[in-house]
Amino acid sequence: MGGEGQIRGTLIGVVFLGILVNGMTLMNISEYWQHVVQGTLILSAVLINRANQP
């Protein structure tokens, strides 16, 4: 099961996560919860992508 990715989607995801982490850092959210949020978002994106495949 090979994957199929796009550079544009990857860049959008990286920028979104960077902005999110920066915002959480500025709000003094602990690093533990930052990792929890990041992991949850990545897992959600993978599950949504898998659900949308034929």
PDB file of N, CA and C in Angstrom:
ATOM      1  N   MET A   1       0.846  -1.184   0.000  1.00  0.00           N
ATOM      2  CA  MET A   1       0.000   0.000   0.000  1.00  0.00           C
ATOM      3  C   MET A   1       0.890   1.246   0.000  1.00  0.00           C
ATOM      4  N   GLY A   2       1.274   1.676  -1.154  1.00  0.00           N
ATOM      5  CA  GLY A   2       2.086   2.878  -1.257  1.00  0.00           C
ATOM      6  C   GLY A   2       1.238   4.123  -1.080  1.00  0.00           C
ATOM      7  N   GLY A   3       1.850   5.135  -0.528  1.00  0.00           N
ATOM      8  CA  GLY A   3       1.140   6.390  -0.297  1.00  0.00           C
ATOM      9  C   GLY A   3       1.270   7.331  -1.474  1.00  0.00           C
ATOM     10  N   GLU A   4       0.457   8.327  -1.459  1.00  0.00           N
ATOM     11  CA  GLU A   4       0.502   9.340  -2.504  1.00  0.00           C
ATOM     12  C   GLU A   4       0.400  10.694  -1.824  1.00  0.00           C
ATOM     13  N   GLY A   5       1.419  11.502  -1.947  1.00  0.00           N
ATOM     14  CA  GLY A   5       1.426  12.780  -1.263  1.00  0.00           C
ATOM     15  C   GLY A   5       1.648  13.930  -2.213  1.00  0.00           C
ATOM     16  N   GLN A   6       1.407  15.106  -1.706  1.00  0.00           N
ATOM     17  CA  GLN A   6       1.619  16.311  -2.495  1.00  0.00           C
ATOM     18  C   GLN A   6       2.448  17.286  -1.671  1.00  0.00           C
ATOM     19  N   ILE A   7       3.366  17.949  -2.316  1.00  0.00           N
ATOM     20  CA  ILE A   7       4.228  18.908  -1.641  1.00  0.00           C
ATOM     21  C   ILE A   7       3.397  20.026  -1.033  1.00  0.00           C
ATOM     22  N   ARG A   8       2.402  20.496  -1.764  1.00  0.00           N
ATOM     23  CA  ARG A   8       1.570  21.603  -1.297  1.00  0.00           C
ATOM     24  C   ARG A   8       0.877  21.255   0.023  1.00  0.00           C
ATOM     25  N   GLY A   9       0.293  20.073   0.090  1.00  0.00           N
ATOM     26  CA  GLY A   9      -0.393  19.645   1.306  1.00  0.00           C
ATOM     27  C   GLY A   9       0.567  19.500   2.478  1.00  0.00           C
ATOM     28  N   THR A  10       1.750  18.990   2.198  1.00  0.00           N
ATOM     29  CA  THR A  10       2.759  18.848   3.247  1.00  0.00           C
ATOM     30  C   THR A  10       3.176  20.206   3.785  1.00  0.00           C
ATOM     31  N   LEU A  11       3.421  21.149   2.898  1.00  0.00           N
ATOM     32  CA  LEU A  11       3.832  22.487   3.332  1.00  0.00           C
ATOM     33  C   LEU A  11       2.737  23.178   4.144  1.00  0.00           C
ATOM     34  N   ILE A  12       1.501  23.024   3.731  1.00  0.00           N
ATOM     35  CA  ILE A  12       0.388  23.617   4.478  1.00  0.00           C
ATOM     36  C   ILE A  12       0.318  23.008   5.875  1.00  0.00           C
ATOM     37  N   GLY A  13       0.488  21.699   5.969  1.00  0.00           N
ATOM     38  CA  GLY A  13       0.463  21.033   7.263  1.00  0.00           C
ATOM     39  C   GLY A  13       1.590  21.476   8.172  1.00  0.00           C
ATOM     40  N   VAL A  14       2.787  21.614   7.628  1.00  0.00           N
ATOM     41  CA  VAL A  14       3.946  22.042   8.416  1.00  0.00           C
ATOM     42  C   VAL A  14       3.757  23.475   8.913  1.00  0.00           C
ATOM     43  N   VAL A  15       3.284  24.344   8.059  1.00  0.00           N
ATOM     44  CA  VAL A  15       3.055  25.735   8.462  1.00  0.00           C
ATOM     45  C   VAL A  15       1.965  25.800   9.533  1.00  0.00           C
ATOM     46  N   PHE A  16       0.890  25.052   9.350  1.00  0.00           N
ATOM     47  CA  PHE A  16      -0.200  25.039  10.331  1.00  0.00           C
ATOM     48  C   PHE A  16       0.292  24.560  11.691  1.00  0.00           C
ATOM     49  N   LEU A  17       1.033  23.452  11.711  1.00  0.00           N
ATOM     50  CA  LEU A  17       1.549  22.942  12.981  1.00  0.00           C
ATOM     51  C   LEU A  17       2.543  23.922  13.610  1.00  0.00           C
ATOM     52  N   GLY A  18       3.364  24.565  12.800  1.00  0.00           N
ATOM     53  CA  GLY A  18       4.317  25.552  13.317  1.00  0.00           C
ATOM     54  C   GLY A  18       3.613  26.729  13.975  1.00  0.00           C
ATOM     55  N   ILE A  19       2.574  27.228  13.330  1.00  0.00           N
ATOM     56  CA  ILE A  19       1.816  28.345  13.897  1.00  0.00           C
ATOM     57  C   ILE A  19       1.115  27.912  15.179  1.00  0.00           C
ATOM     58  N   LEU A  20       0.554  26.703  15.172  1.00  0.00           N
ATOM     59  CA  LEU A  20      -0.135  26.190  16.348  1.00  0.00           C
ATOM     60  C   LEU A  20       0.820  26.047  17.536  1.00  0.00           C
ATOM     61  N   VAL A  21       1.981  25.452  17.310  1.00  0.00           N
ATOM     62  CA  VAL A  21       2.962  25.265  18.386  1.00  0.00           C
ATOM     63  C   VAL A  21       3.463  26.608  18.887  1.00  0.00           C
ATOM     64  N   ASN A  22       3.717  27.530  17.985  1.00  0.00           N
ATOM     65  CA  ASN A  22       4.172  28.857  18.393  1.00  0.00           C
ATOM     66  C   ASN A  22       3.119  29.544  19.260  1.00  0.00           C
ATOM     67  N   GLY A  23       1.864  29.443  18.867  1.00  0.00           N
ATOM     68  CA  GLY A  23       0.791  30.042  19.651  1.00  0.00           C
ATOM     69  C   GLY A  23       0.664  29.418  21.031  1.00  0.00           C
ATOM     70  N   MET A  24       0.784  28.093  21.083  1.00  0.00           N
ATOM     71  CA  MET A  24       0.693  27.429  22.389  1.00  0.00           C
ATOM     72  C   MET A  24       1.880  27.795  23.277  1.00  0.00           C
ATOM     73  N   THR A  25       3.053  27.984  22.675  1.00  0.00           N
ATOM     74  CA  THR A  25       4.227  28.399  23.440  1.00  0.00           C
ATOM     75  C   THR A  25       4.017  29.801  23.993  1.00  0.00           C
ATOM     76  N   LEU A  26       3.480  30.693  23.183  1.00  0.00           N
ATOM     77  CA  LEU A  26       3.225  32.060  23.640  1.00  0.00           C
ATOM     78  C   LEU A  26       2.173  32.106  24.750  1.00  0.00           C
ATOM     79  N   MET A  27       1.264  31.121  24.776  1.00  0.00           N
ATOM     80  CA  MET A  27       0.247  31.058  25.822  1.00  0.00           C
ATOM     81  C   MET A  27       0.729  30.276  27.045  1.00  0.00           C
ATOM     82  N   ASN A  28       2.010  29.896  27.058  1.00  0.00           N
ATOM     83  CA  ASN A  28       2.627  29.158  28.169  1.00  0.00           C
ATOM     84  C   ASN A  28       1.950  27.825  28.455  1.00  0.00           C
ATOM     85  N   ILE A  29       1.535  27.144  27.403  1.00  0.00           N
ATOM     86  CA  ILE A  29       0.982  25.797  27.556  1.00  0.00           C
ATOM     87  C   ILE A  29       2.155  24.836  27.673  1.00  0.00           C
ATOM     88  N   SER A  30       2.055  23.890  28.604  1.00  0.00           N
ATOM     89  CA  SER A  30       3.184  22.990  28.845  1.00  0.00           C
ATOM     90  C   SER A  30       3.514  22.179  27.596  1.00  0.00           C
ATOM     91  N   GLU A  31       4.788  21.789  27.527  1.00  0.00           N
ATOM     92  CA  GLU A  31       5.268  21.050  26.370  1.00  0.00           C
ATOM     93  C   GLU A  31       4.539  19.715  26.221  1.00  0.00           C
ATOM     94  N   TYR A  32       4.185  19.103  27.343  1.00  0.00           N
ATOM     95  CA  TYR A  32       3.448  17.837  27.306  1.00  0.00           C
ATOM     96  C   TYR A  32       2.144  18.005  26.519  1.00  0.00           C
ATOM     97  N   TRP A  33       1.365  19.021  26.833  1.00  0.00           N
ATOM     98  CA  TRP A  33       0.078  19.226  26.163  1.00  0.00           C
ATOM     99  C   TRP A  33       0.269  19.655  24.719  1.00  0.00           C
ATOM    100  N   GLN A  34       1.367  20.328  24.425  1.00  0.00           N
ATOM    101  CA  GLN A  34       1.651  20.671  23.033  1.00  0.00           C
ATOM    102  C   GLN A  34       1.832  19.391  22.208  1.00  0.00           C
ATOM    103  N   HIS A  35       2.559  18.425  22.770  1.00  0.00           N
ATOM    104  CA  HIS A  35       2.760  17.154  22.072  1.00  0.00           C
ATOM    105  C   HIS A  35       1.452  16.379  21.941  1.00  0.00           C
ATOM    106  N   VAL A  36       0.624  16.443  22.964  1.00  0.00           N
ATOM    107  CA  VAL A  36      -0.672  15.759  22.908  1.00  0.00           C
ATOM    108  C   VAL A  36      -1.519  16.345  21.778  1.00  0.00           C
ATOM    109  N   VAL A  37      -1.566  17.658  21.677  1.00  0.00           N
ATOM    110  CA  VAL A  37      -2.355  18.319  20.631  1.00  0.00           C
ATOM    111  C   VAL A  37      -1.790  17.987  19.255  1.00  0.00           C
ATOM    112  N   GLN A  38      -0.474  18.046  19.108  1.00  0.00           N
ATOM    113  CA  GLN A  38       0.149  17.724  17.826  1.00  0.00           C
ATOM    114  C   GLN A  38      -0.165  16.291  17.407  1.00  0.00           C
ATOM    115  N   GLY A  39      -0.005  15.363  18.325  1.00  0.00           N
ATOM    116  CA  GLY A  39      -0.273  13.962  18.023  1.00  0.00           C
ATOM    117  C   GLY A  39      -1.717  13.725  17.645  1.00  0.00           C
ATOM    118  N   THR A  40      -2.627  14.376  18.368  1.00  0.00           N
ATOM    119  CA  THR A  40      -4.051  14.235  18.080  1.00  0.00           C
ATOM    120  C   THR A  40      -4.383  14.764  16.687  1.00  0.00           C
ATOM    121  N   LEU A  41      -3.814  15.906  16.332  1.00  0.00           N
ATOM    122  CA  LEU A  41      -4.074  16.474  15.004  1.00  0.00           C
ATOM    123  C   LEU A  41      -3.518  15.597  13.892  1.00  0.00           C
ATOM    124  N   ILE A  42      -2.302  15.086  14.084  1.00  0.00           N
ATOM    125  CA  ILE A  42      -1.706  14.230  13.053  1.00  0.00           C
ATOM    126  C   ILE A  42      -2.500  12.937  12.910  1.00  0.00           C
ATOM    127  N   LEU A  43      -2.858  12.334  14.028  1.00  0.00           N
ATOM    128  CA  LEU A  43      -3.656  11.104  13.986  1.00  0.00           C
ATOM    129  C   LEU A  43      -5.008  11.350  13.324  1.00  0.00           C
ATOM    130  N   SER A  44      -5.643  12.470  13.640  1.00  0.00           N
ATOM    131  CA  SER A  44      -6.930  12.810  13.029  1.00  0.00           C
ATOM    132  C   SER A  44      -6.790  12.980  11.525  1.00  0.00           C
ATOM    133  N   ALA A  45      -5.735  13.650  11.089  1.00  0.00           N
ATOM    134  CA  ALA A  45      -5.519  13.863   9.657  1.00  0.00           C
ATOM    135  C   ALA A  45      -5.318  12.535   8.935  1.00  0.00           C
ATOM    136  N   VAL A  46      -4.567  11.625   9.539  1.00  0.00           N
ATOM    137  CA  VAL A  46      -4.343  10.315   8.915  1.00  0.00           C
ATOM    138  C   VAL A  46      -5.647   9.532   8.836  1.00  0.00           C
ATOM    139  N   LEU A  47      -6.426   9.533   9.911  1.00  0.00           N
ATOM    140  CA  LEU A  47      -7.687   8.795   9.910  1.00  0.00           C
ATOM    141  C   LEU A  47      -8.685   9.366   8.908  1.00  0.00           C
ATOM    142  N   ILE A  48      -8.746  10.684   8.808  1.00  0.00           N
ATOM    143  CA  ILE A  48      -9.637  11.319   7.829  1.00  0.00           C
ATOM    144  C   ILE A  48      -9.195  10.966   6.417  1.00  0.00           C
ATOM    145  N   ASN A  49      -7.883  10.986   6.181  1.00  0.00           N
ATOM    146  CA  ASN A  49      -7.358  10.649   4.869  1.00  0.00           C
ATOM    147  C   ASN A  49      -7.677   9.206   4.504  1.00  0.00           C
ATOM    148  N   ARG A  50      -7.529   8.298   5.468  1.00  0.00           N
ATOM    149  CA  ARG A  50      -7.838   6.876   5.230  1.00  0.00           C
ATOM    150  C   ARG A  50      -9.335   6.686   4.950  1.00  0.00           C
ATOM    151  N   ALA A  51     -10.184   7.430   5.638  1.00  0.00           N
ATOM    152  CA  ALA A  51     -11.625   7.298   5.452  1.00  0.00           C
ATOM    153  C   ALA A  51     -12.068   7.816   4.084  1.00  0.00           C
ATOM    154  N   ASN A  52     -11.336   8.780   3.539  1.00  0.00           N
ATOM    155  CA  ASN A  52     -11.698   9.360   2.257  1.00  0.00           C
ATOM    156  C   ASN A  52     -11.176   8.569   1.062  1.00  0.00           C
ATOM    157  N   GLN A  53     -10.328   7.569   1.297  1.00  0.00           N
ATOM    158  CA  GLN A  53      -9.811   6.763   0.198  1.00  0.00           C
ATOM    159  C   GLN A  53     -10.862   5.749  -0.220  1.00  0.00           C
ATOM    160  N   PRO A  54     -10.939   5.498  -1.534  1.00  0.00           N
ATOM    161  CA  PRO A  54     -11.951   4.541  -2.027  1.00  0.00           C
ATOM    162  C   PRO A  54     -11.662   3.112  -1.626  1.00  0.00           C
TER     163      PRO A  54
END
